[in-house]
Amino acid sequence: MTDIAIGKRFPKTNPNNGSETILAEFNDAFFDIHAYLFDISEDEKQQWNIGEVIAALYVKELCPFLIFKFDELAFDPSLNVFSMYQYREIEAWLRNDANTINLFLVDAESEILLAKRTITINFSQQMRDVLRRQYLEYEDFDQVDNKIGEISDTISTETMLEMAEIRESCT
């Protein structure tokens, strides 16, 4: 297992070559959030580590967005079940009942891990239900990715948070 430590280089390379990026990466049980950002203040690191975070689920056309709202920071990673690629991985993941999310705050340029946190959410089954339907309704990764792009281009993070079907506070 890879050692992940604050102040060290994050083991996952920023997929957008030094640009700000938020992505959800499926793991065996649930998923991790990698937030590659610039100019993170000490207050924002502190908020990431121990402050209240609102987690919300917004779904449009079977494309789920998981919105995270910290004090001054909000983002909305989308989930595409086809990013798991292998049929057996998707089926096993959809049957799992884990609800733990690892949040990693990484400097976008240096790729140094600035903060990390683990939270649990109470709506993991609802997310899996949407992703199961996504898996059955869409044909492949690109079809879902294109739809996610269309939605992201027309709805802001703040609007998604306001329209979210489920919202809860995580500490």
C-alpha atoms as a PDB file:
ATOM      1  CA  MET A   1       0.000   0.000   0.000  1.00  0.00           C
ATOM      2  CA  THR A   2       1.239   3.464  -0.883  1.00  0.00           C
ATOM      3  CA  ASP A   3       2.127   5.747   2.028  1.00  0.00           C
ATOM      4  CA  ILE A   4       0.067   8.935   1.905  1.00  0.00           C
ATOM      5  CA  ALA A   5       1.427  11.625   4.213  1.00  0.00           C
ATOM      6  CA  ILE A   6       0.797  15.341   4.593  1.00  0.00           C
ATOM      7  CA  GLY A   7       3.768  17.335   3.346  1.00  0.00           C
ATOM      8  CA  LYS A   8       4.829  14.589   0.944  1.00  0.00           C
ATOM      9  CA  ARG A   9       4.198  14.179  -2.766  1.00  0.00           C
ATOM     10  CA  PHE A  10       0.719  12.743  -3.381  1.00  0.00           C
ATOM     11  CA  PRO A  11       1.035   9.346  -5.115  1.00  0.00           C
ATOM     12  CA  LYS A  12      -1.600  10.137  -7.752  1.00  0.00           C
ATOM     13  CA  THR A  13      -0.408  12.523 -10.451  1.00  0.00           C
ATOM     14  CA  ASN A  14      -2.604  15.506 -11.264  1.00  0.00           C
ATOM     15  CA  PRO A  15      -4.310  14.383 -14.491  1.00  0.00           C
ATOM     16  CA  ASN A  16      -4.519  17.973 -15.769  1.00  0.00           C
ATOM     17  CA  ASN A  17      -0.801  18.772 -15.657  1.00  0.00           C
ATOM     18  CA  GLY A  18      -0.746  21.405 -12.921  1.00  0.00           C
ATOM     19  CA  SER A  19      -4.235  22.834 -13.477  1.00  0.00           C
ATOM     20  CA  GLU A  20      -6.896  22.909 -10.785  1.00  0.00           C
ATOM     21  CA  THR A  21      -8.869  19.683 -10.865  1.00  0.00           C
ATOM     22  CA  ILE A  22     -11.367  17.901  -8.639  1.00  0.00           C
ATOM     23  CA  LEU A  23     -11.952  14.244  -9.294  1.00  0.00           C
ATOM     24  CA  ALA A  24     -13.658  11.274  -7.738  1.00  0.00           C
ATOM     25  CA  GLU A  25     -11.718   8.035  -7.983  1.00  0.00           C
ATOM     26  CA  PHE A  26     -13.524   4.786  -7.262  1.00  0.00           C
ATOM     27  CA  ASN A  27     -11.784   2.425  -4.862  1.00  0.00           C
ATOM     28  CA  ASP A  28     -12.688  -1.130  -3.827  1.00  0.00           C
ATOM     29  CA  ALA A  29     -15.263   0.039  -1.304  1.00  0.00           C
ATOM     30  CA  PHE A  30     -16.480   3.509  -2.291  1.00  0.00           C
ATOM     31  CA  PHE A  31     -14.333   6.379  -3.570  1.00  0.00           C
ATOM     32  CA  ASP A  32     -11.728   9.050  -2.883  1.00  0.00           C
ATOM     33  CA  ILE A  33     -11.847  12.733  -3.757  1.00  0.00           C
ATOM     34  CA  HIS A  34      -8.644  14.314  -5.066  1.00  0.00           C
ATOM     35  CA  ALA A  35      -8.780  18.119  -4.996  1.00  0.00           C
ATOM     36  CA  TYR A  36      -5.797  19.614  -6.835  1.00  0.00           C
ATOM     37  CA  LEU A  37      -6.015  23.351  -6.057  1.00  0.00           C
ATOM     38  CA  PHE A  38      -3.855  26.497  -6.020  1.00  0.00           C
ATOM     39  CA  ASP A  39      -3.239  29.022  -3.250  1.00  0.00           C
ATOM     40  CA  ILE A  40      -4.759  27.120  -0.351  1.00  0.00           C
ATOM     41  CA  SER A  41      -4.676  29.191   2.836  1.00  0.00           C
ATOM     42  CA  GLU A  42      -3.928  27.866   6.311  1.00  0.00           C
ATOM     43  CA  ASP A  43      -7.575  28.525   7.235  1.00  0.00           C
ATOM     44  CA  GLU A  44      -8.755  26.423   4.289  1.00  0.00           C
ATOM     45  CA  LYS A  45      -6.418  23.572   5.291  1.00  0.00           C
ATOM     46  CA  GLN A  46      -7.755  23.764   8.847  1.00  0.00           C
ATOM     47  CA  GLN A  47     -11.335  23.756   7.582  1.00  0.00           C
ATOM     48  CA  TRP A  48     -10.543  20.736   5.380  1.00  0.00           C
ATOM     49  CA  ASN A  49      -9.018  18.869   8.335  1.00  0.00           C
ATOM     50  CA  ILE A  50     -11.563  19.507  11.090  1.00  0.00           C
ATOM     51  CA  GLY A  51     -14.272  21.963  10.032  1.00  0.00           C
ATOM     52  CA  GLU A  52     -17.836  21.223   9.151  1.00  0.00           C
ATOM     53  CA  VAL A  53     -18.399  20.019   5.615  1.00  0.00           C
ATOM     54  CA  ILE A  54     -21.755  19.756   3.896  1.00  0.00           C
ATOM     55  CA  ALA A  55     -22.069  16.778   1.546  1.00  0.00           C
ATOM     56  CA  ALA A  56     -24.950  16.799  -0.917  1.00  0.00           C
ATOM     57  CA  LEU A  57     -26.161  14.697  -3.822  1.00  0.00           C
ATOM     58  CA  TYR A  58     -27.438  16.331  -6.996  1.00  0.00           C
ATOM     59  CA  VAL A  59     -28.618  14.085  -9.842  1.00  0.00           C
ATOM     60  CA  LYS A  60     -29.604  15.051 -13.365  1.00  0.00           C
ATOM     61  CA  GLU A  61     -30.170  12.553 -16.181  1.00  0.00           C
ATOM     62  CA  LEU A  62     -28.658   9.761 -14.068  1.00  0.00           C
ATOM     63  CA  CYS A  63     -25.432  11.747 -13.608  1.00  0.00           C
ATOM     64  CA  PRO A  64     -24.699  12.163  -9.899  1.00  0.00           C
ATOM     65  CA  PHE A  65     -22.686  15.080  -8.588  1.00  0.00           C
ATOM     66  CA  LEU A  66     -21.442  14.956  -5.028  1.00  0.00           C
ATOM     67  CA  ILE A  67     -21.206  18.497  -3.732  1.00  0.00           C
ATOM     68  CA  PHE A  68     -18.848  19.318  -0.888  1.00  0.00           C
ATOM     69  CA  LYS A  69     -19.165  22.697   0.821  1.00  0.00           C
ATOM     70  CA  PHE A  70     -16.588  23.838   3.319  1.00  0.00           C
ATOM     71  CA  ASP A  71     -16.544  27.329   4.798  1.00  0.00           C
ATOM     72  CA  GLU A  72     -15.169  29.103   1.720  1.00  0.00           C
ATOM     73  CA  LEU A  73     -14.619  26.203  -0.654  1.00  0.00           C
ATOM     74  CA  ALA A  74     -17.209  24.273  -2.658  1.00  0.00           C
ATOM     75  CA  PHE A  75     -16.822  21.749  -5.456  1.00  0.00           C
ATOM     76  CA  ASP A  76     -18.920  19.171  -7.281  1.00  0.00           C
ATOM     77  CA  PRO A  77     -17.136  16.068  -8.575  1.00  0.00           C
ATOM     78  CA  SER A  78     -19.240  13.920 -10.864  1.00  0.00           C
ATOM     79  CA  LEU A  79     -19.390  10.144 -10.912  1.00  0.00           C
ATOM     80  CA  ASN A  80     -19.167   8.003 -14.040  1.00  0.00           C
ATOM     81  CA  VAL A  81     -19.573   4.315 -13.209  1.00  0.00           C
ATOM     82  CA  PHE A  82     -17.809   3.345 -16.438  1.00  0.00           C
ATOM     83  CA  SER A  83     -14.532   4.773 -15.157  1.00  0.00           C
ATOM     84  CA  MET A  84     -14.113   1.418 -13.381  1.00  0.00           C
ATOM     85  CA  TYR A  85     -13.850  -0.176 -16.846  1.00  0.00           C
ATOM     86  CA  GLN A  86     -14.223  -3.822 -15.906  1.00  0.00           C
ATOM     87  CA  TYR A  87     -17.657  -5.396 -15.615  1.00  0.00           C
ATOM     88  CA  ARG A  88     -16.811  -7.444 -12.509  1.00  0.00           C
ATOM     89  CA  GLU A  89     -15.452  -4.361 -10.733  1.00  0.00           C
ATOM     90  CA  ILE A  90     -18.620  -2.395 -11.442  1.00  0.00           C
ATOM     91  CA  GLU A  91     -20.906  -5.210 -10.302  1.00  0.00           C
ATOM     92  CA  ALA A  92     -18.942  -5.785  -7.077  1.00  0.00           C
ATOM     93  CA  TRP A  93     -18.791  -2.058  -6.311  1.00  0.00           C
ATOM     94  CA  LEU A  94     -22.538  -1.642  -6.815  1.00  0.00           C
ATOM     95  CA  ARG A  95     -23.224  -4.471  -4.329  1.00  0.00           C
ATOM     96  CA  ASN A  96     -20.940  -2.992  -1.655  1.00  0.00           C
ATOM     97  CA  ASP A  97     -22.444  -0.990   1.210  1.00  0.00           C
ATOM     98  CA  ALA A  98     -19.409   1.097   2.256  1.00  0.00           C
ATOM     99  CA  ASN A  99     -19.957   4.816   2.816  1.00  0.00           C
ATOM    100  CA  THR A 100     -16.487   6.185   3.595  1.00  0.00           C
ATOM    101  CA  ILE A 101     -14.956   8.927   1.465  1.00  0.00           C
ATOM    102  CA  ASN A 102     -11.314   9.929   1.676  1.00  0.00           C
ATOM    103  CA  LEU A 103     -10.773  13.619   0.887  1.00  0.00           C
ATOM    104  CA  PHE A 104      -7.297  14.642  -0.282  1.00  0.00           C
ATOM    105  CA  LEU A 105      -6.337  18.314  -0.681  1.00  0.00           C
ATOM    106  CA  VAL A 106      -3.313  18.559  -2.963  1.00  0.00           C
ATOM    107  CA  ASP A 107      -1.323  21.541  -4.241  1.00  0.00           C
ATOM    108  CA  ALA A 108      -2.083  21.537  -7.981  1.00  0.00           C
ATOM    109  CA  GLU A 109       1.419  22.522  -9.051  1.00  0.00           C
ATOM    110  CA  SER A 110       3.770  20.743  -6.628  1.00  0.00           C
ATOM    111  CA  GLU A 111       1.413  17.790  -6.009  1.00  0.00           C
ATOM    112  CA  ILE A 112       2.210  17.959  -2.284  1.00  0.00           C
ATOM    113  CA  LEU A 113      -0.567  16.666  -0.021  1.00  0.00           C
ATOM    114  CA  LEU A 114      -1.741  19.592   2.111  1.00  0.00           C
ATOM    115  CA  ALA A 115      -4.578  17.971   4.067  1.00  0.00           C
ATOM    116  CA  LYS A 116      -6.531  14.745   4.242  1.00  0.00           C
ATOM    117  CA  ARG A 117      -9.714  13.679   5.896  1.00  0.00           C
ATOM    118  CA  THR A 118     -12.091  10.741   5.989  1.00  0.00           C
ATOM    119  CA  ILE A 119     -15.836  11.257   6.222  1.00  0.00           C
ATOM    120  CA  THR A 120     -18.849   8.998   6.039  1.00  0.00           C
ATOM    121  CA  ILE A 121     -22.125   9.803   4.341  1.00  0.00           C
ATOM    122  CA  ASN A 122     -25.574   8.374   4.966  1.00  0.00           C
ATOM    123  CA  PHE A 123     -26.697   8.388   1.329  1.00  0.00           C
ATOM    124  CA  SER A 124     -24.245   5.936  -0.212  1.00  0.00           C
ATOM    125  CA  GLN A 125     -27.039   3.544  -1.168  1.00  0.00           C
ATOM    126  CA  GLN A 126     -28.905   6.276  -3.031  1.00  0.00           C
ATOM    127  CA  MET A 127     -25.703   7.087  -4.931  1.00  0.00           C
ATOM    128  CA  ARG A 128     -25.220   3.434  -5.809  1.00  0.00           C
ATOM    129  CA  ASP A 129     -28.826   3.194  -6.980  1.00  0.00           C
ATOM    130  CA  VAL A 130     -28.282   6.124  -9.368  1.00  0.00           C
ATOM    131  CA  LEU A 131     -25.018   4.631 -10.617  1.00  0.00           C
ATOM    132  CA  ARG A 132     -26.683   1.250 -11.135  1.00  0.00           C
ATOM    133  CA  ARG A 133     -29.297   2.963 -13.306  1.00  0.00           C
ATOM    134  CA  GLN A 134     -26.547   4.915 -15.082  1.00  0.00           C
ATOM    135  CA  TYR A 135     -24.804   1.619 -15.842  1.00  0.00           C
ATOM    136  CA  LEU A 136     -27.987   0.174 -17.351  1.00  0.00           C
ATOM    137  CA  GLU A 137     -29.105   3.269 -19.297  1.00  0.00           C
ATOM    138  CA  TYR A 138     -25.852   4.544 -20.808  1.00  0.00           C
ATOM    139  CA  GLU A 139     -23.657   2.646 -23.241  1.00  0.00           C
ATOM    140  CA  ASP A 140     -20.147   3.649 -22.211  1.00  0.00           C
ATOM    141  CA  PHE A 141     -17.796   6.067 -20.464  1.00  0.00           C
ATOM    142  CA  ASP A 142     -17.864   8.656 -23.261  1.00  0.00           C
ATOM    143  CA  GLN A 143     -21.648   8.858 -23.369  1.00  0.00           C
ATOM    144  CA  VAL A 144     -21.813   9.538 -19.614  1.00  0.00           C
ATOM    145  CA  ASP A 145     -18.828  11.901 -19.751  1.00  0.00           C
ATOM    146  CA  ASN A 146     -20.456  13.963 -22.513  1.00  0.00           C
ATOM    147  CA  LYS A 147     -23.681  14.238 -20.523  1.00  0.00           C
ATOM    148  CA  ILE A 148     -21.750  15.250 -17.393  1.00  0.00           C
ATOM    149  CA  GLY A 149     -20.016  17.957 -19.433  1.00  0.00           C
ATOM    150  CA  GLU A 150     -23.335  19.309 -20.704  1.00  0.00           C
ATOM    151  CA  ILE A 151     -24.719  19.464 -17.171  1.00  0.00           C
ATOM    152  CA  SER A 152     -21.562  21.009 -15.691  1.00  0.00           C
ATOM    153  CA  ASP A 153     -21.582  23.715 -18.346  1.00  0.00           C
ATOM    154  CA  THR A 154     -25.110  24.814 -17.460  1.00  0.00           C
ATOM    155  CA  ILE A 155     -25.422  24.446 -13.672  1.00  0.00           C
ATOM    156  CA  SER A 156     -23.159  26.045 -11.059  1.00  0.00           C
ATOM    157  CA  THR A 157     -21.955  24.292  -7.915  1.00  0.00           C
ATOM    158  CA  GLU A 158     -24.051  26.667  -5.811  1.00  0.00           C
ATOM    159  CA  THR A 159     -27.192  25.858  -7.821  1.00  0.00           C
ATOM    160  CA  MET A 160     -26.503  22.125  -7.520  1.00  0.00           C
ATOM    161  CA  LEU A 161     -26.185  22.533  -3.766  1.00  0.00           C
ATOM    162  CA  GLU A 162     -29.503  24.430  -3.593  1.00  0.00           C
ATOM    163  CA  MET A 163     -31.266  21.807  -5.751  1.00  0.00           C
ATOM    164  CA  ALA A 164     -29.638  18.768  -4.112  1.00  0.00           C
ATOM    165  CA  GLU A 165     -31.979  15.892  -3.300  1.00  0.00           C
ATOM    166  CA  ILE A 166     -29.987  14.965  -0.205  1.00  0.00           C
ATOM    167  CA  ARG A 167     -27.835  17.192   2.004  1.00  0.00           C
ATOM    168  CA  GLU A 168     -26.092  16.420   5.280  1.00  0.00           C
ATOM    169  CA  SER A 169     -23.456  17.825   7.593  1.00  0.00           C
ATOM    170  CA  CYS A 170     -20.289  15.787   8.121  1.00  0.00           C
ATOM    171  CA  THR A 171     -17.751  16.484  10.842  1.00  0.00           C
END
